[in-house]
Amino acid sequence: MSWLIESSYFLAAVLFILGLQRMSSPVTARSGILWAGVGMILATIATFATPDLHNYGLMMLAILIGSTIAFVSAKKVAMADMPQMIALYNGMGGGAAAAIAAVELIKLSGMEHADFGLVALTLAVLGAIIGTVSLSGSIIAFAKLQGLIRKSLLFSGQNYVNLGIFVSIILLGLVTILQGSEVSLFLLLVFFVLAFAFGIMMTLPIGGADMPVVISLYNALTGLAVAFEGFVLGNAAMIIAGTVVGAAGTLLTQLMAKAMNRSLTNVLFSKFGGSSGSSTEVEGDMKPIDAPDVAVMMAYASKVIIIPGYGMAVAQAQHKIWELTKLLQERGVDVKFAIHPVAGRMPGHMNVLLAEAGVPYDIIADLDEINAEFPQADVALVIGANDVVNPVARTDPDSPIYGMPILDADKAKNVIVVKRGRGAGFSGVENGLFFADNTRMLFGDGQKMAAELIQSVKEF
């Protein structure tokens, strides 16, 4: 029987890896999710077949409750709220790993003696730290994305406080490892409380625009925690699945940070966005324009590039933008969408919104693919994007966003920016694009402005 269980775990691992590989392309992502899901079902069935396993009723009840909540919430959640759901799912994974660690460490404390090796005990402690931090940090990330926490918590000496908490966690973890079965329940309680507090303290100062990096990081941490606890339990499926998720999350975190030209430590421990802006004053005035005039420019253009940002998600304007795109295509206009890697509040946020609206994958391009096409574009339509199109990132060495790869919207013949107001982006840096000679500002709600553009284009 054991060979059948191990074979099932191996097949599940293969399905996890193949599913992840297929998720690398929007065209095959849906089938990749299904493959990984089948792998998880297979791993769960194999676990139920494990000898000496008890409490089948409780396990089935837990699976039923969790599956029902996940299914109902997934059916109800709007695509614009997907970052919040991803943050919660990351937290639940980390919390599950932390719960496993807590049970195993409580067994060790004398309530129910367990014979742990040093390596297994060390991994249990590491999994407890990482899983708990991922849980509490993801909860704060969810609260920020949902608007429940609207301001970043910043105070003098904050990094020193966080360092003190972190060192305390490490010391308590070492005591737990060294004491083994003599460790007290009170010490374990303090250990988990401090780890939970550290996740909160680490995430509270981070602004919304950094959430793609944070969500990727907690995804990686959750994977690592699951892998560590899989080793503790001797569960091959958990080890492999956790390792794959951890590796993918780590790579994604690095890519997100690179796309912002910032290190991970800079994202976590700096006060980016708290300054008053760039040291270089942007000269000129914003030049407003009306929707009918923009419609004329777009209707008679040869090439239009649309740059969506978080403002489009807030306005839920993706369906109207796609409707506008189809009208332009019917007139023979070549329309493409340009996506910056960190646009929005999670990795792939804009891609998800455009896919929900029905935008074909073949007209969506990333930064490296599309930048060479901006000089040929008659119109670049920026809707809800700010820092990711700021040319100051190329020109001002003193700017906090200097060196950040941006979409070269300013190189288009004409730039139209749809924006609710005149404020700066998350970084606090004034956007030089908004004052450029070839830029016009279409002030208003993204969805409302898109509707006006649609109506105006139809009249030509």
Protein backbone atom coordinates (compact mmCIF):
# COMPACT_ATOMS: atom_id res chain seq x y z
CA MET A 1 0.00 0.00 0.00
CA SER A 2 2.87 2.38 0.80
CA TRP A 3 4.20 2.19 -2.76
CA LEU A 4 0.79 3.25 -4.07
CA ILE A 5 0.69 6.24 -1.71
CA GLU A 6 4.21 7.33 -2.66
CA SER A 7 3.40 6.89 -6.36
CA SER A 8 0.31 9.06 -5.91
CA TYR A 9 2.40 11.75 -4.23
CA PHE A 10 4.91 11.60 -7.08
CA LEU A 11 2.18 11.94 -9.70
CA ALA A 12 0.67 14.84 -7.73
CA ALA A 13 4.07 16.55 -7.70
CA VAL A 14 4.38 16.12 -11.47
CA LEU A 15 0.93 17.69 -11.91
CA PHE A 16 1.93 20.61 -9.65
CA ILE A 17 5.04 21.32 -11.72
CA LEU A 18 3.29 20.92 -15.08
CA GLY A 19 0.43 23.09 -13.86
CA LEU A 20 2.84 25.82 -12.81
CA GLN A 21 4.60 25.62 -16.16
CA ARG A 22 1.30 26.08 -18.01
CA MET A 23 0.45 29.07 -15.80
CA SER A 24 3.39 30.91 -17.37
CA SER A 25 1.21 31.77 -20.38
CA PRO A 26 -2.25 33.41 -20.26
CA VAL A 27 -3.36 31.09 -23.06
CA THR A 28 -2.70 27.90 -21.05
CA ALA A 29 -3.11 29.30 -17.51
CA ARG A 30 -6.65 27.96 -17.06
CA SER A 31 -5.61 24.39 -17.85
CA GLY A 32 -2.56 24.83 -15.61
CA ILE A 33 -4.81 25.67 -12.67
CA LEU A 34 -6.92 22.58 -13.40
CA TRP A 35 -3.85 20.34 -13.56
CA ALA A 36 -2.56 21.65 -10.24
CA GLY A 37 -6.03 21.22 -8.74
CA VAL A 38 -6.18 17.59 -9.84
CA GLY A 39 -2.75 17.10 -8.30
CA MET A 40 -3.97 18.50 -4.97
CA ILE A 41 -7.05 16.25 -5.01
CA LEU A 42 -4.82 13.23 -5.71
CA ALA A 43 -2.47 14.19 -2.87
CA THR A 44 -5.42 14.58 -0.49
CA ILE A 45 -6.82 11.15 -1.40
CA ALA A 46 -3.37 9.60 -0.94
CA THR A 47 -3.12 11.20 2.51
CA PHE A 48 -6.44 9.66 3.53
CA ALA A 49 -5.00 6.26 2.59
CA THR A 50 -2.07 6.70 5.00
CA PRO A 51 -1.99 3.93 7.66
CA ASP A 52 -2.73 4.81 11.32
CA LEU A 53 -4.60 7.96 10.32
CA HIS A 54 -7.52 8.89 12.57
CA ASN A 55 -10.29 11.50 12.81
CA TYR A 56 -11.55 11.01 9.25
CA GLY A 57 -14.80 12.71 10.16
CA LEU A 58 -13.10 15.88 11.40
CA MET A 59 -10.86 16.00 8.34
CA MET A 60 -13.79 15.63 5.96
CA LEU A 61 -15.70 18.31 7.86
CA ALA A 62 -12.73 20.69 7.65
CA ILE A 63 -12.35 20.05 3.91
CA LEU A 64 -16.08 20.58 3.36
CA ILE A 65 -16.14 23.87 5.30
CA GLY A 66 -12.99 25.21 3.64
CA SER A 67 -14.04 24.16 0.15
CA THR A 68 -17.51 25.68 0.55
CA ILE A 69 -16.17 29.01 1.78
CA ALA A 70 -13.55 29.12 -0.98
CA PHE A 71 -16.04 28.20 -3.73
CA VAL A 72 -18.68 30.72 -2.64
CA SER A 73 -16.19 33.56 -2.16
CA ALA A 74 -14.46 32.83 -5.48
CA LYS A 75 -17.80 32.94 -7.31
CA LYS A 76 -18.82 36.22 -5.67
CA VAL A 77 -15.59 38.21 -5.65
CA ALA A 78 -15.22 40.89 -8.32
CA MET A 79 -12.13 40.76 -10.50
CA ALA A 80 -11.16 44.21 -9.21
CA ASP A 81 -11.00 42.68 -5.71
CA MET A 82 -8.79 39.76 -6.70
CA PRO A 83 -5.69 41.15 -4.88
CA GLN A 84 -7.58 40.96 -1.59
CA MET A 85 -8.53 37.34 -2.23
CA ILE A 86 -4.97 36.39 -3.16
CA ALA A 87 -3.71 38.04 0.03
CA LEU A 88 -6.21 36.04 2.10
CA TYR A 89 -5.32 32.77 0.37
CA ASN A 90 -1.63 33.39 1.07
CA GLY A 91 -2.49 34.03 4.70
CA MET A 92 -4.56 30.88 5.00
CA GLY A 93 -1.72 28.78 3.62
CA GLY A 94 0.75 30.32 6.05
CA GLY A 95 -1.73 29.94 8.90
CA ALA A 96 -2.24 26.25 8.10
CA ALA A 97 1.52 25.65 8.18
CA ALA A 98 1.79 27.56 11.46
CA ALA A 99 -1.06 25.50 12.94
CA ILE A 100 0.74 22.26 12.01
CA ALA A 101 3.91 23.57 13.64
CA ALA A 102 1.98 24.58 16.76
CA VAL A 103 0.46 21.11 17.13
CA GLU A 104 3.81 19.38 16.70
CA LEU A 105 5.58 21.73 19.13
CA ILE A 106 2.81 21.35 21.73
CA LYS A 107 3.22 17.58 21.45
CA LEU A 108 6.89 18.08 22.15
CA SER A 109 6.26 20.25 25.20
CA GLY A 110 5.21 17.26 27.28
CA MET A 111 1.46 17.18 26.70
CA GLU A 112 1.97 14.38 24.23
CA HIS A 113 5.59 13.32 23.88
CA ALA A 114 6.93 13.19 20.33
CA ASP A 115 10.36 11.96 19.36
CA PHE A 116 11.76 14.73 17.15
CA GLY A 117 15.14 14.79 15.54
CA LEU A 118 17.12 18.02 15.64
CA VAL A 119 16.55 18.73 11.93
CA ALA A 120 12.80 18.12 12.14
CA LEU A 121 12.52 20.29 15.26
CA THR A 122 14.48 23.11 13.61
CA LEU A 123 12.28 22.98 10.51
CA ALA A 124 9.14 22.95 12.68
CA VAL A 125 10.32 26.14 14.40
CA LEU A 126 11.24 27.79 11.09
CA GLY A 127 7.88 26.80 9.61
CA ALA A 128 6.14 28.25 12.65
CA ILE A 129 7.93 31.59 12.29
CA ILE A 130 7.46 31.90 8.53
CA GLY A 131 3.87 30.65 8.51
CA THR A 132 2.78 32.95 11.34
CA VAL A 133 4.45 35.99 9.78
CA SER A 134 2.80 35.17 6.45
CA LEU A 135 -0.60 34.85 8.14
CA SER A 136 -0.54 38.15 10.03
CA GLY A 137 1.23 40.04 7.24
CA SER A 138 -1.31 38.83 4.69
CA ILE A 139 -4.17 39.91 6.93
CA ILE A 140 -2.74 43.44 7.07
CA ALA A 141 -2.16 43.38 3.30
CA PHE A 142 -5.82 42.41 2.83
CA ALA A 143 -6.94 45.20 5.15
CA LYS A 144 -4.88 47.76 3.23
CA LEU A 145 -6.13 46.58 -0.16
CA GLN A 146 -9.73 46.54 1.09
CA GLY A 147 -9.38 50.09 2.42
CA LEU A 148 -9.86 49.04 6.05
CA ILE A 149 -6.42 50.49 6.83
CA ARG A 150 -5.93 53.65 4.79
CA LYS A 151 -2.66 54.99 6.17
CA SER A 152 0.79 53.49 6.55
CA LEU A 153 2.04 53.29 10.13
CA LEU A 154 5.37 55.10 10.40
CA PHE A 155 7.15 56.20 13.57
CA SER A 156 10.66 57.05 14.70
CA GLY A 157 12.79 54.00 15.46
CA GLN A 158 10.35 51.65 13.76
CA ASN A 159 13.03 49.48 12.18
CA TYR A 160 14.75 49.09 15.57
CA VAL A 161 11.48 47.95 17.14
CA ASN A 162 11.00 45.43 14.34
CA LEU A 163 14.59 44.27 14.75
CA GLY A 164 14.04 43.78 18.48
CA ILE A 165 10.93 41.67 17.86
CA PHE A 166 12.73 39.62 15.21
CA VAL A 167 15.74 38.94 17.46
CA SER A 168 13.38 37.91 20.29
CA ILE A 169 11.63 35.45 17.96
CA ILE A 170 14.94 33.92 16.89
CA LEU A 171 16.12 33.59 20.50
CA LEU A 172 12.86 31.94 21.56
CA GLY A 173 13.12 29.62 18.56
CA LEU A 174 16.64 28.63 19.60
CA VAL A 175 15.48 28.01 23.17
CA THR A 176 12.68 25.80 21.83
CA ILE A 177 15.14 23.78 19.76
CA LEU A 178 17.67 23.43 22.60
CA GLN A 179 15.14 22.57 25.32
CA GLY A 180 13.23 20.06 23.21
CA SER A 181 10.59 18.27 25.27
CA GLU A 182 11.25 20.56 28.26
CA VAL A 183 10.00 23.67 26.47
CA SER A 184 7.05 25.32 28.23
CA LEU A 185 3.67 26.11 26.72
CA PHE A 186 4.01 29.71 27.91
CA LEU A 187 7.26 30.14 25.98
CA LEU A 188 5.61 28.70 22.86
CA LEU A 189 2.69 31.11 23.29
CA VAL A 190 5.04 34.11 23.53
CA PHE A 191 6.96 32.77 20.52
CA PHE A 192 3.84 32.64 18.32
CA VAL A 193 2.49 35.99 19.58
CA LEU A 194 5.77 37.73 18.73
CA ALA A 195 5.87 36.10 15.28
CA PHE A 196 2.29 37.24 14.65
CA ALA A 197 3.16 40.76 15.81
CA PHE A 198 6.24 40.86 13.58
CA GLY A 199 4.15 40.11 10.49
CA ILE A 200 1.83 42.98 11.39
CA MET A 201 4.63 45.43 12.15
CA MET A 202 6.49 44.53 8.96
CA THR A 203 3.45 45.13 6.73
CA LEU A 204 1.83 48.19 8.32
CA PRO A 205 4.37 50.72 6.93
CA ILE A 206 4.16 49.40 3.37
CA GLY A 207 2.06 51.42 0.93
CA GLY A 208 -0.52 50.09 -1.49
CA ALA A 209 1.66 50.54 -4.58
CA ASP A 210 4.20 48.10 -3.11
CA MET A 211 1.58 45.37 -2.67
CA PRO A 212 2.65 43.38 -5.77
CA VAL A 213 6.02 42.79 -4.09
CA VAL A 214 4.46 42.07 -0.69
CA ILE A 215 1.92 39.58 -2.06
CA SER A 216 4.67 37.78 -3.99
CA LEU A 217 6.84 37.68 -0.86
CA TYR A 218 4.11 36.20 1.33
CA ASN A 219 3.34 33.69 -1.40
CA ALA A 220 6.98 32.58 -1.26
CA LEU A 221 6.98 32.48 2.55
CA THR A 222 3.82 30.38 2.61
CA GLY A 223 5.39 27.89 0.22
CA LEU A 224 8.52 27.62 2.37
CA ALA A 225 6.47 27.12 5.54
CA VAL A 226 4.44 24.35 3.91
CA ALA A 227 7.62 22.65 2.67
CA PHE A 228 9.21 22.76 6.14
CA GLU A 229 6.11 21.31 7.81
CA GLY A 230 5.90 18.68 5.09
CA PHE A 231 9.35 17.52 6.13
CA VAL A 232 8.25 17.44 9.78
CA LEU A 233 5.23 15.28 8.89
CA GLY A 234 7.12 13.20 6.34
CA ASN A 235 4.62 14.22 3.64
CA ALA A 236 6.26 14.26 0.20
CA ALA A 237 3.40 16.15 -1.46
CA MET A 238 3.68 19.04 1.00
CA ILE A 239 7.46 19.18 0.57
CA ILE A 240 7.29 19.28 -3.22
CA ALA A 241 4.27 21.61 -3.49
CA GLY A 242 5.71 23.98 -0.89
CA THR A 243 9.11 24.02 -2.57
CA VAL A 244 7.59 24.77 -5.98
CA VAL A 245 5.40 27.56 -4.60
CA GLY A 246 8.28 28.97 -2.55
CA ALA A 247 10.65 28.99 -5.52
CA ALA A 248 8.06 30.54 -7.86
CA GLY A 249 7.12 33.15 -5.26
CA THR A 250 10.76 34.05 -4.64
CA LEU A 251 11.41 34.50 -8.36
CA LEU A 252 8.26 36.58 -8.75
CA THR A 253 9.24 38.75 -5.79
CA GLN A 254 12.64 39.43 -7.36
CA LEU A 255 11.01 40.29 -10.70
CA MET A 256 8.52 42.67 -9.05
CA ALA A 257 11.26 44.43 -7.08
CA LYS A 258 13.44 44.68 -10.19
CA ALA A 259 10.53 46.21 -12.12
CA MET A 260 10.48 48.98 -9.50
CA ASN A 261 14.29 49.26 -9.45
CA ARG A 262 14.19 48.64 -5.71
CA SER A 263 15.62 45.97 -3.46
CA LEU A 264 13.35 43.85 -1.27
CA THR A 265 14.83 45.42 1.86
CA ASN A 266 14.06 48.86 0.43
CA VAL A 267 10.42 47.87 -0.06
CA LEU A 268 10.11 46.42 3.45
CA PHE A 269 12.12 48.88 5.50
CA SER A 270 12.20 52.24 3.69
CA LYS A 271 9.70 55.09 3.79
CA PHE A 272 9.28 55.21 0.02
CA GLY A 273 6.43 57.49 -0.89
CA GLY A 274 6.66 59.51 2.26
CA SER A 275 8.69 62.33 0.83
CA SER A 276 7.32 65.41 -0.76
CA GLY A 277 8.53 64.38 -4.16
CA SER A 278 11.41 64.83 -6.54
CA SER A 279 14.07 67.40 -5.91
CA THR A 280 13.56 68.70 -9.45
CA GLU A 281 10.59 71.03 -9.90
CA VAL A 282 8.45 70.17 -12.92
CA GLU A 283 7.81 73.25 -15.02
CA GLY A 284 4.71 73.99 -17.07
CA ASP A 285 0.98 73.53 -16.69
CA MET A 286 -1.39 70.63 -17.16
CA LYS A 287 -3.42 71.14 -20.33
CA PRO A 288 -7.00 69.82 -20.07
CA ILE A 289 -8.96 68.39 -22.99
CA ASP A 290 -12.57 67.30 -23.54
CA ALA A 291 -13.71 63.78 -24.41
CA PRO A 292 -14.98 64.67 -27.94
CA ASP A 293 -11.57 66.09 -28.88
CA VAL A 294 -9.85 62.95 -27.60
CA ALA A 295 -12.30 60.82 -29.55
CA VAL A 296 -11.38 62.64 -32.77
CA MET A 297 -7.69 62.01 -32.18
CA MET A 298 -8.23 58.30 -31.49
CA ALA A 299 -10.81 57.69 -34.22
CA TYR A 300 -8.49 59.02 -36.93
CA ALA A 301 -5.27 57.55 -35.52
CA SER A 302 -3.35 54.71 -37.13
CA LYS A 303 -1.96 53.30 -33.88
CA VAL A 304 -3.18 53.68 -30.29
CA ILE A 305 -1.49 52.24 -27.19
CA ILE A 306 -3.56 52.02 -24.01
CA ILE A 307 -1.75 51.99 -20.65
CA PRO A 308 -3.96 50.81 -17.77
CA GLY A 309 -3.09 51.33 -14.11
CA TYR A 310 -4.58 50.98 -10.67
CA GLY A 311 -6.96 53.86 -11.36
CA MET A 312 -8.65 51.73 -14.02
CA ALA A 313 -9.16 48.99 -11.45
CA VAL A 314 -10.65 51.43 -8.93
CA ALA A 315 -13.00 52.87 -11.56
CA GLN A 316 -13.74 49.34 -12.89
CA ALA A 317 -13.41 50.79 -16.36
CA GLN A 318 -11.93 47.72 -18.08
CA HIS A 319 -15.18 46.75 -19.83
CA LYS A 320 -15.71 50.27 -21.20
CA ILE A 321 -12.09 50.44 -22.34
CA TRP A 322 -12.50 47.15 -24.22
CA GLU A 323 -15.71 48.45 -25.81
CA LEU A 324 -13.82 51.57 -26.90
CA THR A 325 -11.03 49.39 -28.28
CA LYS A 326 -13.44 47.38 -30.41
CA LEU A 327 -14.93 50.57 -31.86
CA LEU A 328 -11.46 51.80 -32.80
CA GLN A 329 -10.54 48.44 -34.33
CA GLU A 330 -13.68 48.57 -36.46
CA ARG A 331 -12.34 51.84 -37.86
CA GLY A 332 -9.04 50.17 -38.73
CA VAL A 333 -7.04 51.54 -35.80
CA ASP A 334 -4.23 49.31 -34.51
CA VAL A 335 -4.81 49.16 -30.73
CA LYS A 336 -2.53 47.54 -28.16
CA PHE A 337 -2.39 47.43 -24.37
CA ALA A 338 0.89 48.12 -22.56
CA ILE A 339 1.27 46.50 -19.14
CA HIS A 340 3.89 47.46 -16.56
CA PRO A 341 4.90 44.54 -14.28
CA VAL A 342 3.95 46.39 -11.08
CA ALA A 343 0.82 48.16 -12.33
CA GLY A 344 -1.99 47.57 -9.86
CA ARG A 345 -1.89 45.88 -6.49
CA MET A 346 -0.77 42.34 -7.28
CA PRO A 347 1.38 40.63 -9.91
CA GLY A 348 -0.62 40.42 -13.14
CA HIS A 349 -3.40 42.67 -11.80
CA MET A 350 -3.99 44.47 -15.11
CA ASN A 351 -3.79 41.21 -17.06
CA VAL A 352 -6.52 39.73 -14.88
CA LEU A 353 -8.81 42.74 -15.34
CA LEU A 354 -8.32 42.84 -19.11
CA ALA A 355 -8.89 39.09 -19.39
CA GLU A 356 -12.14 39.45 -17.45
CA ALA A 357 -13.26 42.16 -19.89
CA GLY A 358 -12.49 39.85 -22.82
CA VAL A 359 -9.40 41.58 -24.22
CA PRO A 360 -7.48 39.09 -26.44
CA TYR A 361 -4.03 38.12 -25.23
CA ASP A 362 -2.41 38.92 -28.57
CA ILE A 363 -2.98 42.68 -28.19
CA ILE A 364 -1.57 42.79 -24.65
CA ALA A 365 2.18 43.45 -24.40
CA ASP A 366 4.59 43.87 -21.52
CA LEU A 367 7.11 46.67 -21.03
CA ASP A 368 9.98 45.10 -22.96
CA GLU A 369 7.78 44.25 -25.95
CA ILE A 370 5.89 47.51 -26.31
CA ASN A 371 8.39 50.27 -25.55
CA ALA A 372 9.89 50.23 -29.05
CA GLU A 373 6.41 50.89 -30.52
CA PHE A 374 5.59 54.13 -28.69
CA PRO A 375 7.36 56.43 -31.22
CA GLN A 376 5.05 55.03 -33.93
CA ALA A 377 1.90 55.52 -31.82
CA ASP A 378 -0.36 58.43 -32.73
CA VAL A 379 -2.01 58.32 -29.29
CA ALA A 380 -0.96 56.84 -25.95
CA LEU A 381 -4.00 56.65 -23.66
CA VAL A 382 -2.98 56.48 -19.99
CA ILE A 383 -5.85 55.49 -17.72
CA GLY A 384 -5.13 55.30 -14.01
CA ALA A 385 -1.34 54.86 -14.32
CA ASN A 386 1.12 57.32 -12.81
CA ASP A 387 4.62 56.42 -11.59
CA VAL A 388 5.03 53.68 -14.23
CA VAL A 389 4.91 56.32 -17.01
CA ASN A 390 6.87 59.07 -15.26
CA PRO A 391 9.84 60.16 -17.43
CA VAL A 392 11.51 61.58 -14.31
CA ALA A 393 12.62 57.98 -13.69
CA ARG A 394 14.96 58.42 -16.68
CA THR A 395 16.10 61.99 -16.15
CA ASP A 396 16.44 62.89 -12.45
CA PRO A 397 19.13 61.01 -10.47
CA ASP A 398 17.82 62.57 -7.23
CA SER A 399 14.31 61.20 -7.70
CA PRO A 400 13.24 58.23 -5.54
CA ILE A 401 12.02 56.47 -8.71
CA TYR A 402 15.20 57.12 -10.72
CA GLY A 403 16.24 54.03 -12.66
CA MET A 404 12.82 52.38 -12.45
CA PRO A 405 11.93 50.89 -15.85
CA ILE A 406 8.92 52.77 -17.22
CA LEU A 407 6.59 52.60 -20.19
CA ASP A 408 7.80 55.18 -22.74
CA ALA A 409 4.41 56.83 -23.17
CA ASP A 410 6.04 60.25 -23.50
CA LYS A 411 7.56 59.17 -26.83
CA ALA A 412 4.14 58.83 -28.48
CA LYS A 413 3.02 61.63 -30.79
CA ASN A 414 0.13 62.50 -28.46
CA VAL A 415 -0.52 61.45 -24.87
CA ILE A 416 -3.95 61.49 -23.24
CA VAL A 417 -4.05 60.97 -19.47
CA VAL A 418 -7.35 60.02 -17.84
CA LYS A 419 -7.09 61.09 -14.21
CA ARG A 420 -9.47 62.06 -11.42
CA GLY A 421 -7.31 64.87 -10.03
CA ARG A 422 -3.96 66.59 -10.20
CA GLY A 423 -2.16 64.73 -7.39
CA ALA A 424 1.16 62.88 -7.60
CA GLY A 425 1.49 59.11 -7.60
CA PHE A 426 2.30 56.83 -4.68
CA SER A 427 5.96 57.85 -4.73
CA GLY A 428 5.02 61.49 -4.16
CA VAL A 429 6.99 62.47 -7.27
CA GLU A 430 5.35 64.95 -9.63
CA ASN A 431 4.84 63.31 -13.02
CA GLY A 432 6.66 65.20 -15.76
CA LEU A 433 4.53 63.45 -18.39
CA PHE A 434 1.43 65.36 -17.26
CA PHE A 435 3.12 68.69 -18.08
CA ALA A 436 4.68 67.67 -21.41
CA ASP A 437 3.88 69.60 -24.59
CA ASN A 438 2.37 66.51 -26.24
CA THR A 439 0.18 65.59 -23.24
CA ARG A 440 -3.44 66.51 -22.60
CA MET A 441 -5.34 65.74 -19.38
CA LEU A 442 -8.84 64.25 -19.51
CA PHE A 443 -9.99 64.83 -15.94
CA GLY A 444 -12.72 62.60 -14.52
CA ASP A 445 -13.66 59.10 -13.40
CA GLY A 446 -12.13 56.45 -15.66
CA GLN A 447 -15.36 54.60 -16.39
CA LYS A 448 -17.31 57.80 -17.03
CA MET A 449 -14.63 59.20 -19.34
CA ALA A 450 -14.43 55.90 -21.25
CA ALA A 451 -18.22 55.99 -21.72
CA GLU A 452 -17.99 59.55 -23.08
CA LEU A 453 -15.22 58.52 -25.47
CA ILE A 454 -17.34 55.61 -26.71
CA GLN A 455 -20.29 57.88 -27.34
CA SER A 456 -18.13 60.44 -29.15
CA VAL A 457 -16.39 57.84 -31.35
CA LYS A 458 -19.78 56.44 -32.38
CA GLU A 459 -20.75 59.87 -33.68
CA PHE A 460 -17.94 59.95 -36.25
